[in-house]
Amino acid sequence: MIRALLIITAEHLASARALATVPPFSLSEAEAQQMFVPAGSPTGDAPATHFWASGAFDDATWQALQDLAAALPWAEAHQYDLETQPAYPYNLLATLGLQPMKPPPMP
């Protein structure tokens, strides 16, 4: 399995979720809604400017994610090793000039 991260810009969230429901991914609409979560913004405050999906993927799915990201200027696919690069997702945000989303204030 390949550990990978797909990052997208917020304005394309609906398109990314729609693409997740068709082959080769074929997620249900509910699964696609949960797949992409807020990742970051320039300040770390809402609203998120970027969303991401992270997981372990088989070779075929990873190839499909890479092909998709290569065809879409608003998506990036990154492979990393969770054991040796645990901070990779947050380092990636920093290279994009983003900060992780801050937790919402306590009521």
Protein backbone atom coordinates (compact mmCIF):
# COMPACT_ATOMS: atom_id res chain seq x y z
CA MET A 1 0.00 0.00 0.00
CA ILE A 2 1.10 3.53 -0.77
CA ARG A 3 0.55 6.35 1.72
CA ALA A 4 -0.54 9.38 -0.24
CA LEU A 5 -2.04 12.81 0.12
CA LEU A 6 -4.24 14.59 -2.40
CA ILE A 7 -4.57 18.33 -1.87
CA ILE A 8 -7.05 20.56 -3.69
CA THR A 9 -8.06 24.19 -3.64
CA ALA A 10 -11.34 25.00 -1.91
CA GLU A 11 -13.07 26.34 -5.00
CA HIS A 12 -12.80 22.89 -6.59
CA LEU A 13 -14.08 20.88 -3.62
CA ALA A 14 -17.41 20.04 -5.29
CA SER A 15 -15.65 18.88 -8.48
CA ALA A 16 -13.21 16.71 -6.51
CA ARG A 17 -16.03 15.10 -4.58
CA ALA A 18 -17.92 14.44 -7.82
CA LEU A 19 -14.84 12.85 -9.41
CA ALA A 20 -14.48 10.59 -6.37
CA THR A 21 -17.88 9.01 -7.15
CA VAL A 22 -16.95 7.78 -10.65
CA PRO A 23 -14.60 4.97 -11.71
CA PRO A 24 -11.94 4.12 -10.88
CA PHE A 25 -12.70 5.50 -7.38
CA SER A 26 -16.46 4.82 -7.27
CA LEU A 27 -17.06 6.11 -3.76
CA SER A 28 -20.59 6.65 -2.54
CA GLU A 29 -21.69 10.29 -2.29
CA ALA A 30 -21.47 10.04 1.51
CA GLU A 31 -17.92 8.66 1.31
CA ALA A 32 -16.91 11.40 -1.14
CA GLN A 33 -18.30 14.05 1.23
CA GLN A 34 -16.12 12.69 4.05
CA MET A 35 -13.02 12.12 1.94
CA PHE A 36 -11.80 15.71 1.65
CA VAL A 37 -11.33 17.62 4.90
CA PRO A 38 -10.19 21.20 5.58
CA ALA A 39 -6.38 21.33 5.48
CA GLY A 40 -5.21 24.92 5.72
CA SER A 41 -5.41 28.59 4.92
CA PRO A 42 -2.84 31.40 4.93
CA THR A 43 -3.58 32.16 8.60
CA GLY A 44 -4.96 28.84 9.80
CA ASP A 45 -8.32 30.53 10.35
CA ALA A 46 -11.54 29.53 8.59
CA PRO A 47 -12.45 29.33 5.84
CA ALA A 48 -10.03 26.72 4.53
CA THR A 49 -8.44 27.58 1.20
CA HIS A 50 -7.21 24.02 0.68
CA PHE A 51 -8.66 20.60 1.44
CA TRP A 52 -6.96 17.22 1.51
CA ALA A 53 -7.56 13.51 1.48
CA SER A 54 -4.99 11.16 2.93
CA GLY A 55 -4.85 7.42 3.03
CA ALA A 56 -3.20 4.17 2.04
CA PHE A 57 -3.90 3.25 -1.57
CA ASP A 58 -3.19 0.23 -3.73
CA ASP A 59 -0.96 0.69 -6.78
CA ALA A 60 -3.84 1.07 -9.25
CA THR A 61 -5.65 3.68 -7.17
CA TRP A 62 -2.42 5.62 -6.56
CA GLN A 63 -1.74 5.65 -10.30
CA ALA A 64 -5.28 6.89 -10.95
CA LEU A 65 -4.82 9.66 -8.35
CA GLN A 66 -1.54 10.71 -9.96
CA ASP A 67 -3.10 10.73 -13.43
CA LEU A 68 -6.05 12.76 -12.18
CA ALA A 69 -3.87 15.30 -10.38
CA ALA A 70 -1.65 15.67 -13.45
CA ALA A 71 -4.72 16.57 -15.52
CA LEU A 72 -6.12 19.08 -13.00
CA PRO A 73 -4.25 22.31 -12.26
CA TRP A 74 -6.02 22.59 -8.90
CA ALA A 75 -4.99 19.19 -7.50
CA GLU A 76 -1.69 17.76 -6.28
CA ALA A 77 -0.89 14.14 -5.40
CA HIS A 78 1.99 13.38 -3.04
CA GLN A 79 3.40 10.09 -1.82
CA TYR A 80 5.12 9.88 1.56
CA ASP A 81 6.18 7.44 4.26
CA LEU A 82 4.17 7.93 7.44
CA GLU A 83 6.83 6.24 9.58
CA THR A 84 9.80 8.31 8.36
CA GLN A 85 7.92 11.48 7.34
CA PRO A 86 5.10 11.88 9.89
CA ALA A 87 5.10 15.68 9.54
CA TYR A 88 5.00 15.58 5.72
CA PRO A 89 1.42 16.84 5.34
CA TYR A 90 2.12 19.87 7.54
CA ASN A 91 5.47 20.53 5.88
CA LEU A 92 3.67 20.48 2.53
CA LEU A 93 1.21 23.10 3.79
CA ALA A 94 4.14 25.29 4.87
CA THR A 95 5.73 25.06 1.39
CA LEU A 96 2.40 26.26 -0.03
CA GLY A 97 2.39 29.25 2.33
CA LEU A 98 -0.43 27.76 4.40
CA GLN A 99 -0.98 26.99 8.05
CA PRO A 100 -3.02 24.06 9.36
CA MET A 101 -6.59 24.90 10.28
CA LYS A 102 -6.95 26.04 13.88
CA PRO A 103 -9.50 24.20 15.96
CA PRO A 104 -12.78 26.07 16.40
CA PRO A 105 -13.06 28.10 19.61
CA MET A 106 -14.54 26.36 22.62
CA PRO A 107 -18.13 27.43 23.40
